[in-house]
Amino acid sequence: MFTIVVFFLVLSVLVIIHECGHFIAAKKNGVRVEEFGFGLPPRLFGIKFGETLYSLNALPFGGFVKVFGEEAAEVEGKELSSEARSHSFAHKRPLQKVIILTAGVLANFLLGWVIISYLFVKGVPAPSDKISVESVTPNTPAFEAGILKNDVIASMSYGDKTIPIQGLEDVADATREFAGKEVNLTLQRNGEERTVKITPREKPPKNEGSLGIVITNFVIKKYSIVQAPFYGLIEAAKMTGLIFKELTSALVRFVTFQGAGVEVAGPVGIAKLTGTAARVGIDALLQLVALLSLNLAVINILPFPALDGGRLAFVIYESVTKRKINPSIEQKMNLVGFAFLIGLILLVTVNDIIKLIK
């Protein structure tokens, strides 16, 4: 139940942010919004405020904003008043159409950027050339030697032999070689160097290790409120580029019958990941939300019928060629694309369920 609740909360945020982008852009450009729907049809119920119907639909896998005249077939060949034409998507300039169609993608990218920037202010793990202590287990050689969290391990020596600690494997090698012997462990603490005596255990209890410490080669790096948005934007752009690269590669492999080459998760798989992240902590959940939001941005901008990118492709084609696409053909292509997407979602969901059962 916890996983389901968290999943639908996350899904709600992602969908509402995306559709709010379209909604606000349409309103700002004078286009009438007929319906703001959460979930996909069939409609369960709706409430109308002003000119817009706010609906809850049966399939909880997405959402939509229906603007007047978005489907050219709705207004093509019809006598419209000057007021109706002024509020019709089909009668707006190409640039206005592009703004409305890409606003949802931009909203999802902005959400990912804001979350990443927030996490950068809190602190994020960054690779380090130093090996530091992440935690110390009570009643172990490290605990008795007074080793503390965040101490940096510089070297380990016994007799005339000194092993510099430059990587995680160096600690493992040194404790294995000096097991059962009292050694000098050189540490750095708050910029000062100190040496403690410690005896690595030959047969330590399970999951404790010879010294009784957990070590890492990562440090928590924090950015100021001024720096975070800049570096957050760079990171969001990098992640978006990587998502686009991996997704297009997977699609090419799929259509050429080579297999996706990557693990694909549908609603059930994402719900499981969301529940796991929520149990780890709020930061892990926020990281997942940022990643999902950037994924949603990339998927929606793909030039596939029924997606924002597909509609955008029609607008660009008409603008470049100065030729109108037959409204009936456009409508049929969008319906086929929508049906394909629903089928793909169902297929991936079945695959997720089979994985859970196994």
Protein backbone atom coordinates (compact mmCIF):
# COMPACT_ATOMS: atom_id res chain seq x y z
CA MET A 1 0.00 0.00 0.00
CA PHE A 2 2.87 2.38 0.86
CA THR A 3 4.46 1.82 -2.56
CA ILE A 4 1.16 2.42 -4.37
CA VAL A 5 0.47 5.66 -2.49
CA VAL A 6 3.98 7.05 -3.08
CA PHE A 7 3.90 6.02 -6.74
CA PHE A 8 0.63 7.81 -7.41
CA LEU A 9 1.83 10.90 -5.56
CA VAL A 10 4.98 10.98 -7.71
CA LEU A 11 2.99 10.28 -10.88
CA SER A 12 0.55 13.05 -9.98
CA VAL A 13 3.36 15.57 -9.55
CA LEU A 14 5.00 14.63 -12.86
CA VAL A 15 1.74 14.70 -14.82
CA ILE A 16 0.41 17.89 -13.25
CA ILE A 17 3.73 19.71 -13.84
CA HIS A 18 3.79 18.59 -17.48
CA GLU A 19 0.18 19.47 -18.21
CA CYS A 20 0.41 22.75 -16.31
CA GLY A 21 3.13 23.71 -18.77
CA HIS A 22 0.73 23.19 -21.69
CA PHE A 23 -2.14 24.80 -19.76
CA ILE A 24 -0.24 27.98 -18.88
CA ALA A 25 1.29 28.32 -22.36
CA ALA A 26 -2.12 27.89 -24.01
CA LYS A 27 -3.72 30.47 -21.73
CA LYS A 28 -0.87 32.95 -22.26
CA ASN A 29 -1.28 32.61 -26.04
CA GLY A 30 -5.04 33.07 -25.95
CA VAL A 31 -6.02 29.46 -26.69
CA ARG A 32 -9.10 28.05 -24.98
CA VAL A 33 -8.41 24.99 -22.81
CA GLU A 34 -11.41 22.68 -23.01
CA GLU A 35 -10.23 19.93 -20.66
CA PHE A 36 -7.44 19.29 -18.16
CA GLY A 37 -7.39 15.53 -17.58
CA PHE A 38 -5.48 13.40 -15.09
CA GLY A 39 -5.15 9.85 -16.38
CA LEU A 40 -6.23 8.64 -19.80
CA PRO A 41 -9.83 8.06 -21.01
CA PRO A 42 -12.44 6.74 -20.41
CA ARG A 43 -13.49 9.60 -18.14
CA LEU A 44 -14.67 8.75 -14.63
CA PHE A 45 -15.93 12.20 -13.70
CA GLY A 46 -15.18 15.87 -14.19
CA ILE A 47 -15.81 19.31 -12.73
CA LYS A 48 -16.03 22.43 -14.88
CA PHE A 49 -14.53 25.74 -13.76
CA GLY A 50 -14.84 28.58 -16.22
CA GLU A 51 -14.24 27.30 -19.74
CA THR A 52 -12.21 24.25 -18.67
CA LEU A 53 -13.37 20.77 -17.59
CA TYR A 54 -11.06 19.19 -14.99
CA SER A 55 -11.44 15.41 -15.27
CA LEU A 56 -10.26 12.21 -13.61
CA ASN A 57 -9.87 9.31 -16.04
CA ALA A 58 -9.75 5.54 -15.71
CA LEU A 59 -6.20 4.78 -16.89
CA PRO A 60 -3.76 6.30 -14.34
CA PHE A 61 -0.76 6.36 -16.69
CA GLY A 62 -0.62 9.98 -17.73
CA GLY A 63 -2.72 13.03 -18.40
CA PHE A 64 -3.65 15.54 -21.06
CA VAL A 65 -4.72 19.09 -21.80
CA LYS A 66 -7.26 19.39 -24.62
CA VAL A 67 -7.14 22.77 -26.28
CA PHE A 68 -9.69 24.09 -28.72
CA GLY A 69 -8.62 23.48 -32.31
CA GLU A 70 -5.65 21.26 -31.49
CA GLU A 71 -7.10 18.64 -33.80
CA ALA A 72 -7.39 20.48 -37.10
CA ALA A 73 -10.34 18.26 -38.07
CA GLU A 74 -12.40 19.93 -35.31
CA VAL A 75 -12.30 23.34 -36.98
CA GLU A 76 -11.39 22.62 -40.60
CA GLY A 77 -14.12 23.74 -42.98
CA LYS A 78 -16.30 25.12 -40.19
CA GLU A 79 -17.62 28.64 -39.94
CA LEU A 80 -16.04 30.15 -36.85
CA SER A 81 -16.64 33.54 -35.38
CA SER A 82 -13.69 35.90 -35.14
CA GLU A 83 -13.66 35.32 -31.37
CA ALA A 84 -13.62 31.52 -31.77
CA ARG A 85 -10.78 31.77 -34.31
CA SER A 86 -8.79 33.92 -31.89
CA HIS A 87 -9.05 31.17 -29.25
CA SER A 88 -8.29 28.28 -31.65
CA PHE A 89 -4.93 26.48 -31.61
CA ALA A 90 -5.22 25.76 -35.33
CA HIS A 91 -5.41 29.47 -36.12
CA LYS A 92 -2.37 30.53 -34.08
CA ARG A 93 0.99 31.42 -35.57
CA PRO A 94 3.57 28.58 -35.87
CA LEU A 95 5.74 30.03 -33.09
CA GLN A 96 2.77 30.11 -30.70
CA LYS A 97 1.97 26.49 -31.54
CA VAL A 98 5.59 25.49 -30.88
CA ILE A 99 5.54 27.25 -27.49
CA ILE A 100 2.32 25.49 -26.44
CA LEU A 101 3.47 22.05 -27.63
CA THR A 102 6.92 22.23 -26.00
CA ALA A 103 5.76 23.83 -22.73
CA GLY A 104 5.10 20.46 -21.07
CA VAL A 105 8.57 19.17 -21.95
CA LEU A 106 10.11 22.40 -20.66
CA ALA A 107 8.11 22.11 -17.42
CA ASN A 108 9.44 18.58 -16.81
CA PHE A 109 13.00 19.69 -17.54
CA LEU A 110 12.60 22.63 -15.13
CA LEU A 111 11.32 20.28 -12.41
CA GLY A 112 14.37 18.03 -12.86
CA TRP A 113 16.67 21.07 -12.81
CA VAL A 114 15.10 22.50 -9.64
CA ILE A 115 15.32 19.16 -7.77
CA ILE A 116 18.94 18.58 -8.81
CA SER A 117 19.86 22.13 -7.77
CA TYR A 118 18.19 21.58 -4.38
CA LEU A 119 20.12 18.34 -3.87
CA PHE A 120 23.35 20.13 -4.82
CA VAL A 121 22.70 22.62 -2.00
CA LYS A 122 22.14 19.75 0.46
CA GLY A 123 25.24 17.94 -0.76
CA VAL A 124 25.89 15.18 -3.29
CA PRO A 125 28.47 12.37 -3.39
CA ALA A 126 31.51 13.24 -5.54
CA PRO A 127 34.57 11.06 -6.36
CA SER A 128 37.62 11.71 -4.18
CA ASP A 129 41.28 10.70 -4.34
CA LYS A 130 41.19 10.07 -0.58
CA ILE A 131 39.83 7.10 1.36
CA SER A 132 37.67 8.17 4.28
CA VAL A 133 35.78 6.38 7.04
CA GLU A 134 32.03 6.35 6.47
CA SER A 135 31.07 4.52 9.67
CA VAL A 136 32.64 2.68 12.61
CA THR A 137 31.12 -0.46 14.11
CA PRO A 138 31.07 -0.52 17.96
CA ASN A 139 33.31 -3.00 19.80
CA THR A 140 35.72 -3.46 16.91
CA PRO A 141 39.46 -2.70 16.56
CA ALA A 142 38.66 0.63 14.85
CA PHE A 143 36.22 1.63 17.61
CA GLU A 144 38.72 0.77 20.34
CA ALA A 145 41.49 2.67 18.50
CA GLY A 146 39.36 5.82 18.49
CA ILE A 147 38.84 6.03 14.75
CA LEU A 148 35.98 8.39 13.86
CA LYS A 149 33.66 8.94 10.94
CA ASN A 150 35.20 11.16 8.21
CA ASP A 151 38.79 10.28 9.24
CA VAL A 152 40.97 9.96 6.13
CA ILE A 153 43.20 6.86 5.99
CA ALA A 154 46.65 7.89 4.72
CA SER A 155 48.82 4.79 5.26
CA MET A 156 49.31 1.56 7.21
CA SER A 157 52.73 0.40 8.38
CA TYR A 158 54.31 -2.55 10.21
CA GLY A 159 58.02 -2.60 10.97
CA ASP A 160 59.92 -1.15 8.02
CA LYS A 161 57.06 -1.65 5.55
CA THR A 162 54.56 1.11 4.82
CA ILE A 163 51.59 0.77 2.48
CA PRO A 164 50.22 4.11 1.19
CA ILE A 165 46.40 4.08 1.00
CA GLN A 166 45.38 5.50 -2.37
CA GLY A 167 42.41 3.30 -3.22
CA LEU A 168 39.83 1.02 -1.62
CA GLU A 169 41.78 -2.06 -2.64
CA ASP A 170 44.87 -0.76 -0.77
CA VAL A 171 43.00 -1.00 2.55
CA ALA A 172 41.92 -4.57 1.79
CA ASP A 173 45.46 -5.58 0.75
CA ALA A 174 47.07 -3.98 3.83
CA THR A 175 44.66 -5.50 6.36
CA ARG A 176 45.07 -8.89 4.73
CA GLU A 177 48.89 -8.69 4.81
CA PHE A 178 49.06 -7.38 8.39
CA ALA A 179 46.22 -9.49 9.82
CA GLY A 180 46.84 -10.40 13.47
CA LYS A 181 49.69 -7.86 13.81
CA GLU A 182 49.61 -4.53 15.62
CA VAL A 183 50.16 -1.87 12.96
CA ASN A 184 50.44 1.91 12.81
CA LEU A 185 47.51 3.46 11.00
CA THR A 186 48.10 7.06 9.91
CA LEU A 187 44.97 9.20 9.73
CA GLN A 188 44.09 12.75 8.78
CA ARG A 189 41.46 14.42 10.95
CA ASN A 190 40.41 18.04 10.50
CA GLY A 191 43.61 18.77 8.60
CA GLU A 192 45.86 17.24 11.26
CA GLU A 193 47.79 13.99 10.96
CA ARG A 194 47.71 11.40 13.74
CA THR A 195 48.77 7.77 14.14
CA VAL A 196 46.87 5.06 16.02
CA LYS A 197 47.81 1.48 16.80
CA ILE A 198 45.37 -1.17 15.61
CA THR A 199 45.35 -4.92 15.02
CA PRO A 200 43.42 -6.13 11.94
CA ARG A 201 41.44 -9.26 12.78
CA GLU A 202 42.29 -12.48 10.97
CA LYS A 203 38.75 -13.90 11.17
CA PRO A 204 36.35 -10.99 11.66
CA PRO A 205 32.61 -11.48 12.19
CA LYS A 206 30.48 -11.48 9.07
CA ASN A 207 29.91 -8.04 7.47
CA GLU A 208 32.33 -6.27 9.83
CA GLY A 209 35.68 -6.53 8.06
CA SER A 210 39.13 -6.75 9.66
CA LEU A 211 39.02 -3.26 11.18
CA GLY A 212 35.29 -2.79 11.69
CA ILE A 213 34.88 0.24 9.43
CA VAL A 214 33.04 1.11 6.24
CA ILE A 215 35.22 3.14 3.87
CA THR A 216 34.46 5.20 0.79
CA ASN A 217 36.26 7.09 -1.95
CA PHE A 218 33.42 9.60 -2.25
CA VAL A 219 32.94 12.86 -0.40
CA ILE A 220 29.82 14.93 0.08
CA LYS A 221 30.20 18.04 -2.05
CA LYS A 222 27.93 21.02 -1.40
CA TYR A 223 27.24 24.04 -3.56
CA SER A 224 26.03 27.44 -2.44
CA ILE A 225 22.52 28.63 -3.32
CA VAL A 226 24.12 30.84 -5.99
CA GLN A 227 26.24 28.03 -7.49
CA ALA A 228 23.66 25.23 -7.32
CA PRO A 229 21.35 26.40 -10.15
CA PHE A 230 24.31 26.77 -12.53
CA TYR A 231 25.79 23.34 -11.80
CA GLY A 232 22.29 21.88 -11.52
CA LEU A 233 21.53 23.07 -15.06
CA ILE A 234 24.74 21.47 -16.35
CA GLU A 235 23.90 18.18 -14.62
CA ALA A 236 20.28 18.22 -15.83
CA ALA A 237 21.46 18.84 -19.40
CA LYS A 238 24.00 15.99 -19.14
CA MET A 239 21.39 13.60 -17.78
CA THR A 240 18.89 14.59 -20.48
CA GLY A 241 21.50 14.01 -23.18
CA LEU A 242 22.36 10.60 -21.76
CA ILE A 243 18.68 9.63 -21.50
CA PHE A 244 18.09 10.69 -25.11
CA LYS A 245 21.15 8.75 -26.30
CA GLU A 246 20.19 5.55 -24.45
CA LEU A 247 16.52 5.79 -25.45
CA THR A 248 17.21 6.32 -29.14
CA SER A 249 19.77 3.51 -29.06
CA ALA A 250 17.20 1.20 -27.44
CA LEU A 251 14.57 2.15 -30.05
CA VAL A 252 16.96 1.47 -32.93
CA ARG A 253 17.89 -1.91 -31.45
CA PHE A 254 14.21 -2.68 -30.91
CA VAL A 255 13.06 -1.91 -34.47
CA THR A 256 16.02 -3.84 -35.91
CA PHE A 257 15.09 -6.86 -33.77
CA GLN A 258 18.29 -6.76 -31.71
CA GLY A 259 16.49 -6.39 -28.39
CA ALA A 260 16.30 -3.18 -26.40
CA GLY A 261 19.75 -3.69 -24.89
CA VAL A 262 18.66 -1.94 -21.69
CA GLU A 263 16.26 -2.75 -18.88
CA VAL A 264 12.82 -1.25 -19.58
CA ALA A 265 10.37 -0.61 -16.75
CA GLY A 266 6.68 0.18 -17.05
CA PRO A 267 4.23 1.53 -14.44
CA VAL A 268 4.60 -1.51 -12.18
CA GLY A 269 8.41 -1.48 -12.36
CA ILE A 270 8.55 2.27 -11.75
CA ALA A 271 6.14 1.89 -8.82
CA LYS A 272 8.49 -0.67 -7.27
CA LEU A 273 11.50 1.63 -7.75
CA THR A 274 9.56 4.53 -6.25
CA GLY A 275 8.63 2.55 -3.14
CA THR A 276 12.23 1.43 -2.68
CA ALA A 277 13.56 4.99 -3.07
CA ALA A 278 10.98 6.34 -0.61
CA ARG A 279 12.08 3.79 2.02
CA VAL A 280 15.74 4.82 1.56
CA GLY A 281 14.93 8.46 2.22
CA ILE A 282 13.57 11.71 0.84
CA ASP A 283 16.78 12.53 -1.05
CA ALA A 284 16.71 9.19 -2.89
CA LEU A 285 13.05 9.75 -3.77
CA LEU A 286 13.79 13.25 -5.05
CA GLN A 287 16.66 11.90 -7.19
CA LEU A 288 14.24 9.40 -8.74
CA VAL A 289 11.59 12.08 -9.34
CA ALA A 290 14.18 14.27 -11.09
CA LEU A 291 15.28 11.34 -13.27
CA LEU A 292 11.67 10.40 -14.13
CA SER A 293 10.84 14.01 -14.96
CA LEU A 294 13.79 14.28 -17.36
CA ASN A 295 12.81 10.92 -18.88
CA LEU A 296 9.27 12.20 -19.40
CA ALA A 297 10.63 15.32 -21.10
CA VAL A 298 12.75 13.26 -23.51
CA ILE A 299 9.99 10.76 -24.31
CA ASN A 300 7.41 13.47 -25.02
CA ILE A 301 9.66 15.40 -27.42
CA LEU A 302 10.19 12.33 -29.63
CA PRO A 303 8.62 12.89 -33.10
CA PHE A 304 6.02 10.12 -32.68
CA PRO A 305 2.28 10.61 -33.37
CA ALA A 306 0.18 11.39 -30.26
CA LEU A 307 3.24 12.66 -28.37
CA ASP A 308 4.10 16.35 -28.12
CA GLY A 309 7.03 15.77 -30.45
CA GLY A 310 4.75 14.21 -33.07
CA ARG A 311 2.42 17.20 -33.07
CA LEU A 312 5.45 19.48 -33.14
CA ALA A 313 6.71 17.65 -36.24
CA PHE A 314 3.40 18.38 -38.02
CA VAL A 315 3.67 22.09 -37.16
CA ILE A 316 7.27 22.30 -38.38
CA TYR A 317 6.39 20.44 -41.59
CA GLU A 318 3.53 22.83 -42.37
CA SER A 319 5.66 25.87 -41.52
CA VAL A 320 8.56 24.77 -43.76
CA THR A 321 6.57 23.43 -46.73
CA LYS A 322 3.72 25.98 -46.49
CA ARG A 323 1.35 23.04 -47.07
CA LYS A 324 -1.43 21.95 -44.76
CA ILE A 325 -1.55 18.32 -43.69
CA ASN A 326 -4.90 16.67 -44.36
CA PRO A 327 -6.70 16.93 -40.96
CA SER A 328 -8.21 13.47 -41.39
CA ILE A 329 -4.79 11.89 -41.98
CA GLU A 330 -3.29 13.74 -39.00
CA GLN A 331 -6.14 12.59 -36.77
CA LYS A 332 -5.78 8.97 -37.88
CA MET A 333 -2.01 9.04 -37.33
CA ASN A 334 -2.51 10.39 -33.80
CA LEU A 335 -5.10 7.70 -33.05
CA VAL A 336 -2.78 4.96 -34.31
CA GLY A 337 0.10 6.41 -32.31
CA PHE A 338 -2.06 6.61 -29.19
CA ALA A 339 -3.21 3.00 -29.61
CA PHE A 340 0.39 1.88 -30.09
CA LEU A 341 1.51 3.69 -26.92
CA ILE A 342 -1.32 2.15 -24.87
CA GLY A 343 -0.41 -1.29 -26.23
CA LEU A 344 3.27 -0.71 -25.41
CA ILE A 345 2.38 0.35 -21.85
CA LEU A 346 0.27 -2.79 -21.38
CA LEU A 347 3.02 -5.01 -22.81
CA VAL A 348 5.69 -3.54 -20.53
CA THR A 349 3.31 -3.76 -17.55
CA VAL A 350 2.72 -7.47 -18.18
CA ASN A 351 6.51 -7.93 -18.38
CA ASP A 352 6.91 -6.10 -15.04
CA ILE A 353 4.29 -8.34 -13.41
CA ILE A 354 6.01 -11.49 -14.72
CA LYS A 355 9.32 -10.27 -13.23
CA LEU A 356 7.64 -9.69 -9.85
CA ILE A 357 6.08 -13.15 -9.88
CA LYS A 358 9.43 -14.74 -10.73
